């Protein structure tokens, strides 16, 4: 008699545990061209809320984007390196392995989702955009 395989699913809450191979709620996506440093992550985290507010014309962001599940990866050659980010206020239903594999693609959702680009050399956000609402 064959036994059924044992399957384990990891559900990822908005606040990922520090020991999960992530940096708090920051998840490095595996298909980047270079590994993002802890220093860059810390600098992005410090600038994140002000970048979100600037994306809304300087008003305070409705949600605290520092609590979002934030996927990121380093792209580009040396001298032109940027970090692409995708943020989601909800990551339930997606395993940590799924979140590490590739960016989640969401076409609407308003302030619950954002995309951003951070200039690794200039140490600042170049682009920050919340999704629209369909």
N, C-alpha and C. Protein backbone atom coordinates (compact mmCIF):
# COMPACT_ATOMS: atom_id res chain seq x y z
N UNK A 1 0.84 -1.18 0.00
CA UNK A 1 0.00 0.00 0.00
C UNK A 1 0.89 1.25 0.00
N UNK A 2 0.68 2.14 -0.95
CA UNK A 2 1.47 3.37 -1.05
C UNK A 2 0.87 4.44 -0.16
N UNK A 3 1.75 5.15 0.51
CA UNK A 3 1.30 6.26 1.33
C UNK A 3 1.29 7.52 0.49
N UNK A 4 0.34 8.39 0.74
CA UNK A 4 0.26 9.67 0.04
C UNK A 4 1.42 10.55 0.48
N UNK A 5 1.97 11.37 -0.44
CA UNK A 5 3.07 12.25 -0.04
C UNK A 5 2.59 13.28 0.98
N UNK A 6 3.50 13.65 1.83
CA UNK A 6 3.21 14.65 2.86
C UNK A 6 3.59 16.01 2.31
N UNK A 7 2.65 16.93 2.25
CA UNK A 7 2.89 18.26 1.68
C UNK A 7 2.77 19.30 2.78
N UNK A 8 3.74 20.19 2.83
CA UNK A 8 3.72 21.27 3.81
C UNK A 8 3.58 22.58 3.07
N UNK A 9 2.64 23.41 3.47
CA UNK A 9 2.47 24.73 2.87
C UNK A 9 2.78 25.77 3.94
N UNK A 10 3.52 26.77 3.55
CA UNK A 10 3.83 27.86 4.47
C UNK A 10 3.02 29.07 4.04
N UNK A 11 2.12 29.54 4.89
CA UNK A 11 1.37 30.75 4.59
C UNK A 11 2.14 31.92 5.15
N UNK A 12 2.27 32.96 4.35
CA UNK A 12 3.09 34.10 4.74
C UNK A 12 2.19 35.23 5.22
N UNK A 13 2.25 35.58 6.49
CA UNK A 13 1.48 36.72 6.97
C UNK A 13 2.16 38.02 6.54
N UNK A 14 1.48 39.15 6.77
CA UNK A 14 2.05 40.44 6.37
C UNK A 14 3.39 40.67 7.07
N UNK A 15 3.51 40.27 8.31
CA UNK A 15 4.76 40.45 9.04
C UNK A 15 5.48 39.11 9.04
N UNK A 16 6.50 38.97 8.23
CA UNK A 16 7.22 37.71 8.13
C UNK A 16 8.16 37.55 9.31
N UNK A 17 8.31 36.37 9.84
CA UNK A 17 9.22 36.17 10.97
C UNK A 17 10.67 36.40 10.54
N UNK A 18 11.44 37.02 11.40
CA UNK A 18 12.83 37.36 11.09
C UNK A 18 13.66 36.14 10.73
N UNK A 19 13.35 35.01 11.28
CA UNK A 19 14.14 33.81 11.02
C UNK A 19 13.75 33.06 9.77
N UNK A 20 12.90 33.62 8.93
CA UNK A 20 12.38 32.90 7.77
C UNK A 20 13.27 33.03 6.54
N UNK A 21 14.52 33.47 6.70
CA UNK A 21 15.39 33.63 5.55
C UNK A 21 15.11 34.92 4.80
N UNK A 22 14.44 35.83 5.47
CA UNK A 22 14.11 37.13 4.90
C UNK A 22 14.74 38.20 5.79
N UNK A 23 14.46 39.43 5.49
CA UNK A 23 14.91 40.55 6.33
C UNK A 23 13.64 41.21 6.86
N UNK A 24 13.07 40.62 7.91
CA UNK A 24 11.78 41.09 8.41
C UNK A 24 10.71 40.81 7.37
N UNK A 25 10.03 41.83 6.90
CA UNK A 25 9.00 41.66 5.88
C UNK A 25 9.54 41.92 4.47
N UNK A 26 10.87 41.98 4.32
CA UNK A 26 11.52 42.18 3.02
C UNK A 26 11.98 40.82 2.48
N UNK A 27 11.58 40.51 1.25
CA UNK A 27 11.83 39.20 0.65
C UNK A 27 12.63 39.38 -0.62
N UNK A 28 13.85 38.87 -0.66
CA UNK A 28 14.67 38.98 -1.87
C UNK A 28 14.23 37.93 -2.89
N UNK A 29 13.85 38.39 -4.08
CA UNK A 29 13.43 37.52 -5.18
C UNK A 29 14.69 36.93 -5.81
N UNK A 30 14.66 35.67 -6.14
CA UNK A 30 15.85 34.93 -6.56
C UNK A 30 16.38 35.27 -7.94
N UNK A 31 15.60 35.83 -8.84
CA UNK A 31 16.07 36.01 -10.20
C UNK A 31 16.70 37.38 -10.46
N UNK A 32 17.25 38.00 -9.44
CA UNK A 32 17.98 39.25 -9.63
C UNK A 32 19.36 38.99 -10.20
N UNK A 33 20.04 40.05 -10.65
CA UNK A 33 21.38 39.87 -11.22
C UNK A 33 22.48 40.08 -10.19
N UNK A 34 22.13 40.59 -9.01
CA UNK A 34 23.10 40.74 -7.93
C UNK A 34 22.36 40.70 -6.59
N UNK A 35 23.07 40.40 -5.53
CA UNK A 35 22.49 40.27 -4.19
C UNK A 35 22.48 41.63 -3.49
N UNK A 36 21.32 42.01 -3.03
CA UNK A 36 21.14 43.29 -2.34
C UNK A 36 21.69 43.17 -0.92
N UNK A 37 22.45 44.17 -0.48
CA UNK A 37 23.07 44.14 0.86
C UNK A 37 22.07 44.52 1.94
N UNK A 38 22.37 44.10 3.16
CA UNK A 38 21.55 44.49 4.32
C UNK A 38 21.57 46.01 4.49
N UNK A 39 22.68 46.63 4.17
CA UNK A 39 22.78 48.09 4.27
C UNK A 39 21.80 48.77 3.32
N UNK A 40 21.72 48.28 2.09
CA UNK A 40 20.77 48.85 1.13
C UNK A 40 19.33 48.65 1.61
N UNK A 41 19.04 47.48 2.15
CA UNK A 41 17.69 47.21 2.65
C UNK A 41 17.35 48.19 3.77
N UNK A 42 18.28 48.40 4.68
CA UNK A 42 18.05 49.34 5.79
C UNK A 42 17.83 50.75 5.28
N UNK A 43 18.61 51.19 4.29
CA UNK A 43 18.44 52.53 3.74
C UNK A 43 17.11 52.68 3.01
N UNK A 44 16.70 51.65 2.26
CA UNK A 44 15.40 51.69 1.59
C UNK A 44 14.28 51.76 2.61
N UNK A 45 14.39 50.95 3.67
CA UNK A 45 13.36 50.92 4.70
C UNK A 45 13.19 52.29 5.35
N UNK A 46 14.29 53.01 5.57
CA UNK A 46 14.23 54.35 6.18
C UNK A 46 13.53 55.35 5.27
N UNK A 47 13.66 55.18 3.95
CA UNK A 47 13.11 56.14 2.99
C UNK A 47 11.73 55.75 2.47
N UNK A 48 11.27 54.57 2.79
CA UNK A 48 10.08 54.01 2.18
C UNK A 48 8.82 54.84 2.41
N UNK A 49 8.52 55.21 3.64
CA UNK A 49 7.28 55.93 3.93
C UNK A 49 7.28 57.31 3.28
N UNK A 50 8.42 58.00 3.28
CA UNK A 50 8.47 59.32 2.64
C UNK A 50 8.33 59.20 1.12
N UNK A 51 8.85 58.12 0.52
CA UNK A 51 8.66 57.89 -0.92
C UNK A 51 7.20 57.64 -1.23
N UNK A 52 6.51 56.91 -0.35
CA UNK A 52 5.09 56.65 -0.53
C UNK A 52 4.29 57.94 -0.44
N UNK A 53 4.62 58.79 0.52
CA UNK A 53 3.93 60.07 0.67
C UNK A 53 4.17 60.96 -0.55
N UNK A 54 5.40 60.98 -1.05
CA UNK A 54 5.71 61.79 -2.24
C UNK A 54 4.93 61.30 -3.45
N UNK A 55 4.71 59.99 -3.54
CA UNK A 55 3.95 59.41 -4.66
C UNK A 55 2.49 59.86 -4.63
N UNK A 56 2.04 60.31 -3.47
CA UNK A 56 0.67 60.78 -3.32
C UNK A 56 0.62 62.30 -3.22
N UNK A 57 1.60 62.96 -3.81
CA UNK A 57 1.62 64.42 -3.84
C UNK A 57 2.02 65.06 -2.53
N UNK A 58 2.74 64.35 -1.70
CA UNK A 58 3.25 64.91 -0.45
C UNK A 58 2.35 64.67 0.74
N UNK A 59 1.13 64.17 0.52
CA UNK A 59 0.27 63.88 1.68
C UNK A 59 0.69 62.56 2.29
N UNK A 60 0.38 62.40 3.55
CA UNK A 60 0.75 61.17 4.24
C UNK A 60 0.04 59.99 3.59
N UNK A 61 0.78 58.91 3.38
CA UNK A 61 0.20 57.70 2.78
C UNK A 61 -0.90 57.17 3.70
N UNK A 62 -1.97 56.68 3.11
CA UNK A 62 -3.10 56.18 3.88
C UNK A 62 -2.72 54.95 4.71
N UNK A 63 -1.82 54.14 4.17
CA UNK A 63 -1.39 52.94 4.88
C UNK A 63 0.09 53.04 5.20
N UNK A 64 0.50 52.37 6.26
CA UNK A 64 1.91 52.33 6.63
C UNK A 64 2.60 51.28 5.78
N UNK A 65 3.24 51.71 4.69
CA UNK A 65 3.85 50.77 3.74
C UNK A 65 5.03 50.01 4.34
N UNK A 66 5.55 50.45 5.48
CA UNK A 66 6.65 49.72 6.10
C UNK A 66 6.20 48.35 6.63
N UNK A 67 4.88 48.15 6.77
CA UNK A 67 4.36 46.88 7.25
C UNK A 67 4.02 45.92 6.10
N UNK A 68 4.13 46.38 4.86
CA UNK A 68 3.81 45.56 3.70
C UNK A 68 4.82 44.42 3.54
N UNK A 69 4.41 43.36 2.87
CA UNK A 69 5.36 42.34 2.40
C UNK A 69 6.03 42.96 1.18
N UNK A 70 7.34 43.11 1.21
CA UNK A 70 8.06 43.81 0.15
C UNK A 70 9.03 42.85 -0.53
N UNK A 71 8.77 42.57 -1.79
CA UNK A 71 9.66 41.75 -2.61
C UNK A 71 10.64 42.70 -3.29
N UNK A 72 11.89 42.25 -3.44
CA UNK A 72 12.89 43.09 -4.09
C UNK A 72 13.94 42.24 -4.78
N UNK A 73 14.61 42.84 -5.76
CA UNK A 73 15.74 42.17 -6.40
C UNK A 73 16.65 43.23 -7.00
N UNK A 74 17.95 42.93 -7.01
CA UNK A 74 18.94 43.81 -7.61
C UNK A 74 19.07 43.48 -9.09
N UNK A 75 19.00 44.51 -9.95
CA UNK A 75 19.13 44.30 -11.39
C UNK A 75 20.10 45.33 -11.97
N UNK A 76 20.62 45.00 -13.14
CA UNK A 76 21.52 45.90 -13.84
C UNK A 76 22.98 45.60 -13.57
N UNK A 77 23.85 46.03 -14.50
CA UNK A 77 25.28 45.80 -14.35
C UNK A 77 25.91 46.78 -13.36
N UNK A 78 27.14 46.49 -12.94
CA UNK A 78 27.88 47.39 -12.05
C UNK A 78 27.89 48.79 -12.65
N UNK A 79 27.67 49.78 -11.83
CA UNK A 79 27.63 51.16 -12.28
C UNK A 79 26.23 51.63 -12.65
N UNK A 80 25.32 50.69 -12.88
CA UNK A 80 23.93 51.04 -13.23
C UNK A 80 22.96 50.16 -12.44
N UNK A 81 23.33 49.83 -11.24
CA UNK A 81 22.53 48.93 -10.44
C UNK A 81 21.33 49.64 -9.82
N UNK A 82 20.19 48.99 -9.92
CA UNK A 82 18.98 49.46 -9.26
C UNK A 82 18.34 48.28 -8.54
N UNK A 83 17.45 48.61 -7.64
CA UNK A 83 16.70 47.59 -6.92
C UNK A 83 15.23 47.79 -7.26
N UNK A 84 14.62 46.76 -7.81
CA UNK A 84 13.20 46.80 -8.12
C UNK A 84 12.45 46.25 -6.92
N UNK A 85 11.33 46.89 -6.57
CA UNK A 85 10.54 46.48 -5.42
C UNK A 85 9.08 46.35 -5.81
N UNK A 86 8.39 45.43 -5.15
CA UNK A 86 6.94 45.30 -5.24
C UNK A 86 6.45 45.12 -3.81
N UNK A 87 5.46 45.91 -3.43
CA UNK A 87 4.92 45.82 -2.08
C UNK A 87 3.46 45.42 -2.09
N UNK A 88 3.06 44.67 -1.09
CA UNK A 88 1.68 44.22 -0.97
C UNK A 88 1.25 44.28 0.49
N UNK A 89 0.08 44.87 0.73
CA UNK A 89 -0.41 44.93 2.10
C UNK A 89 -0.85 43.55 2.58
N UNK A 90 -1.08 42.63 1.64
CA UNK A 90 -1.49 41.28 1.99
C UNK A 90 -0.66 40.28 1.21
N UNK A 91 -0.12 39.29 1.88
CA UNK A 91 0.63 38.23 1.21
C UNK A 91 0.05 36.86 1.55
N UNK A 92 -1.10 36.85 2.22
CA UNK A 92 -1.73 35.59 2.61
C UNK A 92 -1.99 34.75 1.37
N UNK A 93 -1.84 33.45 1.51
CA UNK A 93 -2.10 32.54 0.41
C UNK A 93 -0.89 32.30 -0.49
N UNK A 94 0.21 32.98 -0.22
CA UNK A 94 1.43 32.80 -1.00
C UNK A 94 2.53 32.28 -0.07
N UNK A 95 3.16 31.21 -0.47
CA UNK A 95 4.23 30.66 0.35
C UNK A 95 5.48 31.52 0.21
N UNK A 96 6.37 31.39 1.17
CA UNK A 96 7.64 32.10 1.10
C UNK A 96 8.40 31.70 -0.16
N UNK A 97 8.33 30.43 -0.54
CA UNK A 97 9.00 29.96 -1.76
C UNK A 97 8.44 30.66 -2.99
N UNK A 98 7.11 30.85 -3.04
CA UNK A 98 6.50 31.56 -4.17
C UNK A 98 6.95 33.01 -4.20
N UNK A 99 6.99 33.64 -3.04
CA UNK A 99 7.38 35.05 -2.98
C UNK A 99 8.85 35.25 -3.33
N UNK A 100 9.69 34.26 -3.06
CA UNK A 100 11.10 34.35 -3.41
C UNK A 100 11.34 34.05 -4.90
N UNK A 101 10.46 33.29 -5.52
CA UNK A 101 10.65 32.86 -6.89
C UNK A 101 10.54 34.01 -7.89
N UNK A 102 9.52 34.82 -7.77
CA UNK A 102 9.31 35.92 -8.72
C UNK A 102 8.34 36.92 -8.11
N UNK A 103 8.32 38.11 -8.70
CA UNK A 103 7.39 39.14 -8.22
C UNK A 103 5.95 38.69 -8.41
N UNK A 104 5.12 39.02 -7.44
CA UNK A 104 3.68 38.86 -7.61
C UNK A 104 3.23 39.92 -8.59
N UNK A 105 2.36 39.58 -9.48
CA UNK A 105 1.85 40.55 -10.46
C UNK A 105 0.41 40.89 -10.10
N UNK A 106 0.17 42.15 -9.80
CA UNK A 106 -1.15 42.64 -9.44
C UNK A 106 -1.42 43.87 -10.30
N UNK A 107 -2.54 43.88 -10.99
CA UNK A 107 -2.82 44.96 -11.93
C UNK A 107 -3.64 46.10 -11.35
N UNK A 108 -4.28 45.90 -10.23
CA UNK A 108 -5.01 46.99 -9.60
C UNK A 108 -4.85 46.85 -8.09
N UNK A 109 -5.79 47.26 -7.31
CA UNK A 109 -5.68 47.09 -5.86
C UNK A 109 -5.38 48.37 -5.11
N UNK A 110 -5.19 49.48 -5.84
CA UNK A 110 -4.99 50.77 -5.19
C UNK A 110 -3.77 50.80 -4.28
N UNK A 111 -3.92 51.45 -3.14
CA UNK A 111 -2.80 51.65 -2.21
C UNK A 111 -2.35 50.37 -1.51
N UNK A 112 -3.02 49.28 -1.77
CA UNK A 112 -2.61 48.01 -1.17
C UNK A 112 -1.37 47.44 -1.87
N UNK A 113 -1.05 47.95 -3.07
CA UNK A 113 0.08 47.44 -3.85
C UNK A 113 0.89 48.60 -4.43
N UNK A 114 2.20 48.41 -4.49
CA UNK A 114 3.04 49.43 -5.12
C UNK A 114 4.21 48.78 -5.85
N UNK A 115 4.79 49.56 -6.75
CA UNK A 115 6.05 49.18 -7.38
C UNK A 115 6.99 50.37 -7.22
N UNK A 116 8.27 50.08 -7.13
CA UNK A 116 9.25 51.14 -6.93
C UNK A 116 10.60 50.70 -7.50
N UNK A 117 11.45 51.69 -7.73
CA UNK A 117 12.83 51.45 -8.16
C UNK A 117 13.72 52.30 -7.29
N UNK A 118 14.78 51.70 -6.78
CA UNK A 118 15.73 52.40 -5.91
C UNK A 118 17.09 52.40 -6.57
N UNK A 119 17.70 53.56 -6.65
CA UNK A 119 19.03 53.72 -7.25
C UNK A 119 20.08 53.31 -6.22
N UNK A 120 20.77 52.21 -6.50
CA UNK A 120 21.75 51.68 -5.54
C UNK A 120 22.96 52.60 -5.37
N UNK A 121 23.35 53.32 -6.42
CA UNK A 121 24.50 54.23 -6.32
C UNK A 121 24.10 55.53 -5.63
N UNK A 122 22.95 56.07 -6.00
CA UNK A 122 22.49 57.34 -5.43
C UNK A 122 21.82 57.20 -4.09
N UNK A 123 21.51 55.96 -3.69
CA UNK A 123 20.89 55.65 -2.39
C UNK A 123 19.57 56.40 -2.21
N UNK A 124 18.72 56.36 -3.26
CA UNK A 124 17.41 57.01 -3.15
C UNK A 124 16.43 56.36 -4.12
N UNK A 125 15.15 56.55 -3.83
CA UNK A 125 14.12 56.04 -4.72
C UNK A 125 14.05 56.90 -5.98
N UNK A 126 14.03 56.23 -7.13
CA UNK A 126 13.89 56.90 -8.42
C UNK A 126 12.43 56.92 -8.85
N UNK A 127 11.68 55.96 -8.39
CA UNK A 127 10.31 55.78 -8.84
C UNK A 127 9.53 55.09 -7.72
N UNK A 128 8.32 55.54 -7.50
CA UNK A 128 7.43 54.89 -6.53
C UNK A 128 6.02 55.13 -7.00
N UNK A 129 5.24 54.06 -7.22
CA UNK A 129 3.90 54.20 -7.78
C UNK A 129 2.96 53.19 -7.14
N UNK A 130 1.86 53.70 -6.59
CA UNK A 130 0.81 52.81 -6.12
C UNK A 130 0.01 52.32 -7.31
N UNK A 131 -0.56 51.13 -7.18
CA UNK A 131 -1.42 50.61 -8.25
C UNK A 131 -2.69 51.43 -8.35
N UNK A 132 -3.33 51.35 -9.48
CA UNK A 132 -4.62 51.99 -9.67
C UNK A 132 -5.74 51.09 -9.17
N UNK A 133 -6.96 51.53 -9.40
CA UNK A 133 -8.12 50.74 -9.02
C UNK A 133 -8.95 50.53 -10.27
N UNK A 134 -9.25 49.26 -10.57
CA UNK A 134 -10.03 48.94 -11.78
C UNK A 134 -11.50 49.20 -11.57
